[in-house]
Amino acid sequence: MADEIVLLSGWPSMFGMRVRVALAEKGLKYEYREEDLRNKSPLLLNMNPDHKKIPVLIHNGKPISESVIIVEYIDGVWNHKSPLLPTDPYQRAQARFWVDYVDNKLYDIGKKIIWSTKGEEHETGKKEFIECLKLLERELGDKPYFGGENFGFVDVSLVTFSCWFHTFESYGNFSIQTECPKLIAWTKRCLEKESVSSSLADPHKIHDYAWGVRKRLGIE
């Protein structure tokens, strides 16, 4: 019996894109359902009643929430192709550390650039964001991917931020290419993979989306 896989997400969500990349890496077919977060569907509210957030993966009727947990779930269930997490316990722990860094450091700081006004918080956010990217670039080093020779867990988790880079640069008035050229080279390398290029949103559409949200919030 074929697996029934449904993904509830929103097209601009970098976290939803993670799940799409992981599913594509595994060659899995699934049903995608776009969610309007201002008018959440009964299915989303039923499948994630506590947080009411996207993304949610529904596998044979059972929901899994939180993008990192979903990606680990996908890697564990469909482990016959394109492993994402290392088998070595230490390398596995390191990969989880860097994904946690992306989610709890880079993401939170990035919000200051896009969603705050041009005050002290905005300038602090810009400086800290660049520092975060530089640290990630140092961790990447001269490796093709964060996982070494193979595209892996950290790559999946970070590459979806890249379609927001144009927006960060626009509102932060800086160039990631100038600040972190190796990271941009890594992004381009990842985009050569069909699983990535087919899963990421257009950077200019992301910028238009962010502008619309800022306008609605009274920032523009």
C-alpha atoms as a PDB file:
ATOM      1  CA  MET A   1       0.000   0.000   0.000  1.00  0.00           C
ATOM      2  CA  ALA A   2       1.398   3.389  -1.041  1.00  0.00           C
ATOM      3  CA  ASP A   3       2.144   5.988   1.609  1.00  0.00           C
ATOM      4  CA  GLU A   4      -0.255   8.906   1.798  1.00  0.00           C
ATOM      5  CA  ILE A   5       1.768  12.058   2.368  1.00  0.00           C
ATOM      6  CA  VAL A   6       0.266  15.522   2.730  1.00  0.00           C
ATOM      7  CA  LEU A   7       2.210  18.706   3.462  1.00  0.00           C
ATOM      8  CA  LEU A   8       0.457  21.720   4.955  1.00  0.00           C
ATOM      9  CA  SER A   9       2.565  24.826   4.507  1.00  0.00           C
ATOM     10  CA  GLY A  10       2.776  28.357   3.116  1.00  0.00           C
ATOM     11  CA  TRP A  11       4.794  29.157   0.025  1.00  0.00           C
ATOM     12  CA  PRO A  12       7.046  31.853   1.633  1.00  0.00           C
ATOM     13  CA  SER A  13       7.883  29.676   4.659  1.00  0.00           C
ATOM     14  CA  MET A  14      11.556  28.740   4.795  1.00  0.00           C
ATOM     15  CA  PHE A  15      10.563  26.032   7.245  1.00  0.00           C
ATOM     16  CA  GLY A  16       8.010  24.553   4.883  1.00  0.00           C
ATOM     17  CA  MET A  17      10.578  24.654   2.089  1.00  0.00           C
ATOM     18  CA  ARG A  18      12.867  22.496   4.235  1.00  0.00           C
ATOM     19  CA  VAL A  19      10.295  19.753   4.229  1.00  0.00           C
ATOM     20  CA  ARG A  20       9.825  20.061   0.480  1.00  0.00           C
ATOM     21  CA  VAL A  21      13.579  19.740  -0.086  1.00  0.00           C
ATOM     22  CA  ALA A  22      13.759  16.660   2.155  1.00  0.00           C
ATOM     23  CA  LEU A  23      10.800  15.030   0.403  1.00  0.00           C
ATOM     24  CA  ALA A  24      12.365  15.772  -2.985  1.00  0.00           C
ATOM     25  CA  GLU A  25      15.707  14.347  -1.870  1.00  0.00           C
ATOM     26  CA  LYS A  26      13.914  11.109  -1.032  1.00  0.00           C
ATOM     27  CA  GLY A  27      12.006  11.125  -4.315  1.00  0.00           C
ATOM     28  CA  LEU A  28       8.653  11.051  -2.522  1.00  0.00           C
ATOM     29  CA  LYS A  29       5.351  12.054  -4.051  1.00  0.00           C
ATOM     30  CA  TYR A  30       3.020  14.043  -1.836  1.00  0.00           C
ATOM     31  CA  GLU A  31       0.012  16.330  -1.827  1.00  0.00           C
ATOM     32  CA  TYR A  32       0.767  19.956  -1.081  1.00  0.00           C
ATOM     33  CA  ARG A  33      -1.879  22.139   0.539  1.00  0.00           C
ATOM     34  CA  GLU A  34      -1.271  25.878   0.770  1.00  0.00           C
ATOM     35  CA  GLU A  35      -2.304  27.426   4.084  1.00  0.00           C
ATOM     36  CA  ASP A  36      -3.528  30.975   4.609  1.00  0.00           C
ATOM     37  CA  LEU A  37      -2.215  31.805   8.073  1.00  0.00           C
ATOM     38  CA  ARG A  38      -4.791  34.576   8.478  1.00  0.00           C
ATOM     39  CA  ASN A  39      -7.532  32.044   7.835  1.00  0.00           C
ATOM     40  CA  LYS A  40      -6.175  28.681   8.959  1.00  0.00           C
ATOM     41  CA  SER A  41      -7.875  25.593   7.599  1.00  0.00           C
ATOM     42  CA  PRO A  42      -9.812  23.187   9.825  1.00  0.00           C
ATOM     43  CA  LEU A  43      -7.323  20.495   8.785  1.00  0.00           C
ATOM     44  CA  LEU A  44      -4.352  22.503  10.103  1.00  0.00           C
ATOM     45  CA  LEU A  45      -6.144  23.309  13.347  1.00  0.00           C
ATOM     46  CA  ASN A  46      -7.036  19.646  13.750  1.00  0.00           C
ATOM     47  CA  MET A  47      -3.590  18.308  12.898  1.00  0.00           C
ATOM     48  CA  ASN A  48      -1.644  20.865  14.959  1.00  0.00           C
ATOM     49  CA  PRO A  49      -4.117  22.007  17.635  1.00  0.00           C
ATOM     50  CA  ASP A  50      -1.487  23.116  20.155  1.00  0.00           C
ATOM     51  CA  HIS A  51       0.719  25.422  18.060  1.00  0.00           C
ATOM     52  CA  LYS A  52      -1.546  25.900  15.012  1.00  0.00           C
ATOM     53  CA  LYS A  53       1.592  26.458  12.932  1.00  0.00           C
ATOM     54  CA  ILE A  54       2.994  25.286   9.631  1.00  0.00           C
ATOM     55  CA  PRO A  55       4.538  23.141   8.357  1.00  0.00           C
ATOM     56  CA  VAL A  56       2.711  19.949   9.213  1.00  0.00           C
ATOM     57  CA  LEU A  57       3.431  16.647   7.493  1.00  0.00           C
ATOM     58  CA  ILE A  58       0.588  14.143   7.509  1.00  0.00           C
ATOM     59  CA  HIS A  59       1.810  10.605   6.896  1.00  0.00           C
ATOM     60  CA  ASN A  60      -0.945   8.034   6.550  1.00  0.00           C
ATOM     61  CA  GLY A  61      -3.223  10.231   8.624  1.00  0.00           C
ATOM     62  CA  LYS A  62      -0.707  10.911  11.392  1.00  0.00           C
ATOM     63  CA  PRO A  63       0.594  14.486  11.831  1.00  0.00           C
ATOM     64  CA  ILE A  64       4.195  15.502  12.488  1.00  0.00           C
ATOM     65  CA  SER A  65       4.919  19.150  13.322  1.00  0.00           C
ATOM     66  CA  GLU A  66       8.016  21.393  13.446  1.00  0.00           C
ATOM     67  CA  SER A  67      10.250  21.414  10.367  1.00  0.00           C
ATOM     68  CA  VAL A  68      13.390  19.978  11.994  1.00  0.00           C
ATOM     69  CA  ILE A  69      11.413  17.123  13.536  1.00  0.00           C
ATOM     70  CA  ILE A  70       9.688  16.505  10.195  1.00  0.00           C
ATOM     71  CA  VAL A  71      12.986  16.363   8.289  1.00  0.00           C
ATOM     72  CA  GLU A  72      14.402  13.889  10.835  1.00  0.00           C
ATOM     73  CA  TYR A  73      11.219  11.851  10.544  1.00  0.00           C
ATOM     74  CA  ILE A  74      11.466  11.761   6.753  1.00  0.00           C
ATOM     75  CA  ASP A  75      15.106  10.724   6.961  1.00  0.00           C
ATOM     76  CA  GLY A  76      14.299   7.977   9.443  1.00  0.00           C
ATOM     77  CA  VAL A  77      11.278   6.503   7.669  1.00  0.00           C
ATOM     78  CA  TRP A  78      12.661   6.645   4.141  1.00  0.00           C
ATOM     79  CA  ASN A  79      16.285   5.814   4.946  1.00  0.00           C
ATOM     80  CA  HIS A  80      16.948   3.833   1.780  1.00  0.00           C
ATOM     81  CA  LYS A  81      17.875   6.907  -0.289  1.00  0.00           C
ATOM     82  CA  SER A  82      19.838  10.135   0.174  1.00  0.00           C
ATOM     83  CA  PRO A  83      20.602   9.985   3.921  1.00  0.00           C
ATOM     84  CA  LEU A  84      20.501  13.450   5.464  1.00  0.00           C
ATOM     85  CA  LEU A  85      21.745  12.868   9.013  1.00  0.00           C
ATOM     86  CA  PRO A  86      25.198  11.360   9.613  1.00  0.00           C
ATOM     87  CA  THR A  87      25.385   7.851  11.065  1.00  0.00           C
ATOM     88  CA  ASP A  88      28.265   8.777  13.379  1.00  0.00           C
ATOM     89  CA  PRO A  89      26.802   9.919  16.748  1.00  0.00           C
ATOM     90  CA  TYR A  90      29.223  12.843  17.150  1.00  0.00           C
ATOM     91  CA  GLN A  91      28.698  14.139  13.613  1.00  0.00           C
ATOM     92  CA  ARG A  92      24.973  13.713  14.117  1.00  0.00           C
ATOM     93  CA  ALA A  93      25.128  15.806  17.292  1.00  0.00           C
ATOM     94  CA  GLN A  94      27.144  18.494  15.498  1.00  0.00           C
ATOM     95  CA  ALA A  95      24.636  18.647  12.660  1.00  0.00           C
ATOM     96  CA  ARG A  96      21.806  19.089  15.144  1.00  0.00           C
ATOM     97  CA  PHE A  97      23.775  21.829  16.914  1.00  0.00           C
ATOM     98  CA  TRP A  98      24.160  23.876  13.727  1.00  0.00           C
ATOM     99  CA  VAL A  99      20.533  23.437  12.732  1.00  0.00           C
ATOM    100  CA  ASP A 100      19.540  24.654  16.194  1.00  0.00           C
ATOM    101  CA  TYR A 101      21.889  27.619  15.706  1.00  0.00           C
ATOM    102  CA  VAL A 102      20.175  28.491  12.421  1.00  0.00           C
ATOM    103  CA  ASP A 103      16.710  28.320  13.981  1.00  0.00           C
ATOM    104  CA  ASN A 104      17.378  29.989  17.310  1.00  0.00           C
ATOM    105  CA  LYS A 105      20.022  32.510  16.314  1.00  0.00           C
ATOM    106  CA  LEU A 106      19.973  33.342  12.604  1.00  0.00           C
ATOM    107  CA  TYR A 107      16.190  33.302  12.217  1.00  0.00           C
ATOM    108  CA  ASP A 108      15.496  35.393  15.319  1.00  0.00           C
ATOM    109  CA  ILE A 109      18.113  37.979  14.383  1.00  0.00           C
ATOM    110  CA  GLY A 110      16.924  38.104  10.776  1.00  0.00           C
ATOM    111  CA  LYS A 111      13.473  39.162  11.958  1.00  0.00           C
ATOM    112  CA  LYS A 112      14.997  42.355  13.362  1.00  0.00           C
ATOM    113  CA  ILE A 113      16.170  43.347   9.897  1.00  0.00           C
ATOM    114  CA  ILE A 114      12.905  42.775   8.066  1.00  0.00           C
ATOM    115  CA  TRP A 115      10.210  43.484  10.615  1.00  0.00           C
ATOM    116  CA  SER A 116      11.685  46.315  12.700  1.00  0.00           C
ATOM    117  CA  THR A 117      12.003  50.005  11.890  1.00  0.00           C
ATOM    118  CA  LYS A 118      15.324  51.615  11.048  1.00  0.00           C
ATOM    119  CA  GLY A 119      16.335  52.228  14.642  1.00  0.00           C
ATOM    120  CA  GLU A 120      18.965  50.819  16.962  1.00  0.00           C
ATOM    121  CA  GLU A 121      17.340  47.375  16.965  1.00  0.00           C
ATOM    122  CA  HIS A 122      17.518  47.269  13.179  1.00  0.00           C
ATOM    123  CA  GLU A 123      21.223  48.208  13.063  1.00  0.00           C
ATOM    124  CA  THR A 124      22.067  45.742  15.835  1.00  0.00           C
ATOM    125  CA  GLY A 125      20.176  43.038  13.981  1.00  0.00           C
ATOM    126  CA  LYS A 126      22.067  43.760  10.782  1.00  0.00           C
ATOM    127  CA  LYS A 127      25.453  43.476  12.513  1.00  0.00           C
ATOM    128  CA  GLU A 128      24.515  40.288  14.377  1.00  0.00           C
ATOM    129  CA  PHE A 129      23.031  38.715  11.253  1.00  0.00           C
ATOM    130  CA  ILE A 130      26.258  39.189   9.302  1.00  0.00           C
ATOM    131  CA  GLU A 131      28.244  37.782  12.238  1.00  0.00           C
ATOM    132  CA  CYS A 132      25.997  34.698  12.245  1.00  0.00           C
ATOM    133  CA  LEU A 133      26.511  34.170   8.528  1.00  0.00           C
ATOM    134  CA  LYS A 134      30.272  34.535   8.913  1.00  0.00           C
ATOM    135  CA  LEU A 135      30.276  31.911  11.671  1.00  0.00           C
ATOM    136  CA  LEU A 136      28.312  29.531   9.461  1.00  0.00           C
ATOM    137  CA  GLU A 137      30.730  30.236   6.619  1.00  0.00           C
ATOM    138  CA  ARG A 138      33.659  29.319   8.871  1.00  0.00           C
ATOM    139  CA  GLU A 139      31.914  26.078   9.803  1.00  0.00           C
ATOM    140  CA  LEU A 140      31.423  25.310   6.101  1.00  0.00           C
ATOM    141  CA  GLY A 141      35.103  25.975   5.411  1.00  0.00           C
ATOM    142  CA  ASP A 142      36.255  24.536   2.097  1.00  0.00           C
ATOM    143  CA  LYS A 143      33.785  21.648   2.146  1.00  0.00           C
ATOM    144  CA  PRO A 144      31.284  21.380  -0.709  1.00  0.00           C
ATOM    145  CA  TYR A 145      28.475  20.992   1.822  1.00  0.00           C
ATOM    146  CA  PHE A 146      28.108  21.336   5.568  1.00  0.00           C
ATOM    147  CA  GLY A 147      27.903  17.550   5.733  1.00  0.00           C
ATOM    148  CA  GLY A 148      31.164  17.184   3.802  1.00  0.00           C
ATOM    149  CA  GLU A 149      30.964  15.684   0.332  1.00  0.00           C
ATOM    150  CA  ASN A 150      27.259  14.996   0.612  1.00  0.00           C
ATOM    151  CA  PHE A 151      24.254  17.318   0.864  1.00  0.00           C
ATOM    152  CA  GLY A 152      22.817  16.794   4.344  1.00  0.00           C
ATOM    153  CA  PHE A 153      20.784  17.916   7.341  1.00  0.00           C
ATOM    154  CA  VAL A 154      22.417  21.329   7.880  1.00  0.00           C
ATOM    155  CA  ASP A 155      22.320  22.085   4.162  1.00  0.00           C
ATOM    156  CA  VAL A 156      18.596  21.313   3.989  1.00  0.00           C
ATOM    157  CA  SER A 157      17.954  23.499   7.021  1.00  0.00           C
ATOM    158  CA  LEU A 158      19.967  26.538   5.923  1.00  0.00           C
ATOM    159  CA  VAL A 159      19.572  26.622   2.140  1.00  0.00           C
ATOM    160  CA  THR A 160      15.907  27.592   2.384  1.00  0.00           C
ATOM    161  CA  PHE A 161      17.004  30.856   4.027  1.00  0.00           C
ATOM    162  CA  SER A 162      18.828  31.724   0.809  1.00  0.00           C
ATOM    163  CA  CYS A 163      15.661  32.726  -1.044  1.00  0.00           C
ATOM    164  CA  TRP A 164      15.193  35.346   1.698  1.00  0.00           C
ATOM    165  CA  PHE A 165      18.771  36.665   1.282  1.00  0.00           C
ATOM    166  CA  HIS A 166      17.668  39.282  -1.267  1.00  0.00           C
ATOM    167  CA  THR A 167      15.090  40.591   1.203  1.00  0.00           C
ATOM    168  CA  PHE A 168      17.582  40.673   4.080  1.00  0.00           C
ATOM    169  CA  GLU A 169      20.033  42.564   1.859  1.00  0.00           C
ATOM    170  CA  SER A 170      17.397  44.996   0.654  1.00  0.00           C
ATOM    171  CA  TYR A 171      16.183  45.991   4.114  1.00  0.00           C
ATOM    172  CA  GLY A 172      19.579  45.662   5.776  1.00  0.00           C
ATOM    173  CA  ASN A 173      21.515  47.514   3.064  1.00  0.00           C
ATOM    174  CA  PHE A 174      24.378  45.029   2.858  1.00  0.00           C
ATOM    175  CA  SER A 175      25.688  42.395   0.449  1.00  0.00           C
ATOM    176  CA  ILE A 176      25.995  38.763   1.536  1.00  0.00           C
ATOM    177  CA  GLN A 177      28.121  38.119  -1.556  1.00  0.00           C
ATOM    178  CA  THR A 178      30.610  40.706  -0.281  1.00  0.00           C
ATOM    179  CA  GLU A 179      30.486  39.603   3.350  1.00  0.00           C
ATOM    180  CA  CYS A 180      30.328  35.821   2.850  1.00  0.00           C
ATOM    181  CA  PRO A 181      31.369  34.798  -0.684  1.00  0.00           C
ATOM    182  CA  LYS A 182      31.900  31.121   0.245  1.00  0.00           C
ATOM    183  CA  LEU A 183      28.389  30.926   1.622  1.00  0.00           C
ATOM    184  CA  ILE A 184      26.977  32.307  -1.619  1.00  0.00           C
ATOM    185  CA  ALA A 185      29.059  29.803  -3.604  1.00  0.00           C
ATOM    186  CA  TRP A 186      27.603  27.059  -1.403  1.00  0.00           C
ATOM    187  CA  THR A 187      24.082  28.394  -2.083  1.00  0.00           C
ATOM    188  CA  LYS A 188      24.665  28.249  -5.834  1.00  0.00           C
ATOM    189  CA  ARG A 189      26.033  24.704  -5.479  1.00  0.00           C
ATOM    190  CA  CYS A 190      22.911  23.650  -3.610  1.00  0.00           C
ATOM    191  CA  LEU A 191      20.675  25.272  -6.218  1.00  0.00           C
ATOM    192  CA  GLU A 192      22.218  23.011  -8.854  1.00  0.00           C
ATOM    193  CA  LYS A 193      20.307  20.191  -7.169  1.00  0.00           C
ATOM    194  CA  GLU A 194      16.798  19.680  -8.549  1.00  0.00           C
ATOM    195  CA  SER A 195      15.513  18.938  -5.050  1.00  0.00           C
ATOM    196  CA  VAL A 196      16.532  22.440  -3.970  1.00  0.00           C
ATOM    197  CA  SER A 197      15.793  24.539  -7.040  1.00  0.00           C
ATOM    198  CA  SER A 198      12.309  23.052  -7.397  1.00  0.00           C
ATOM    199  CA  SER A 199      11.467  23.602  -3.712  1.00  0.00           C
ATOM    200  CA  LEU A 200      12.615  27.168  -3.056  1.00  0.00           C
ATOM    201  CA  ALA A 201      10.472  30.244  -3.685  1.00  0.00           C
ATOM    202  CA  ASP A 202      11.553  32.999  -6.050  1.00  0.00           C
ATOM    203  CA  PRO A 203      13.612  35.599  -4.107  1.00  0.00           C
ATOM    204  CA  HIS A 204      11.814  38.515  -5.769  1.00  0.00           C
ATOM    205  CA  LYS A 205       8.402  37.088  -4.879  1.00  0.00           C
ATOM    206  CA  ILE A 206       9.647  36.739  -1.305  1.00  0.00           C
ATOM    207  CA  HIS A 207      10.676  40.409  -1.342  1.00  0.00           C
ATOM    208  CA  ASP A 208       7.255  41.449  -2.626  1.00  0.00           C
ATOM    209  CA  TYR A 209       5.613  39.327   0.059  1.00  0.00           C
ATOM    210  CA  ALA A 210       7.747  40.914   2.806  1.00  0.00           C
ATOM    211  CA  TRP A 211       6.964  44.395   1.478  1.00  0.00           C
ATOM    212  CA  GLY A 212       3.256  43.599   1.648  1.00  0.00           C
ATOM    213  CA  VAL A 213       3.521  42.382   5.239  1.00  0.00           C
ATOM    214  CA  ARG A 214       5.572  45.434   6.248  1.00  0.00           C
ATOM    215  CA  LYS A 215       2.961  47.695   4.669  1.00  0.00           C
ATOM    216  CA  ARG A 216       0.177  45.884   6.530  1.00  0.00           C
ATOM    217  CA  LEU A 217       2.129  46.274   9.784  1.00  0.00           C
ATOM    218  CA  GLY A 218       2.640  49.983   9.157  1.00  0.00           C
ATOM    219  CA  ILE A 219       6.427  49.677   8.764  1.00  0.00           C
ATOM    220  CA  GLU A 220       6.504  50.850   5.134  1.00  0.00           C
END
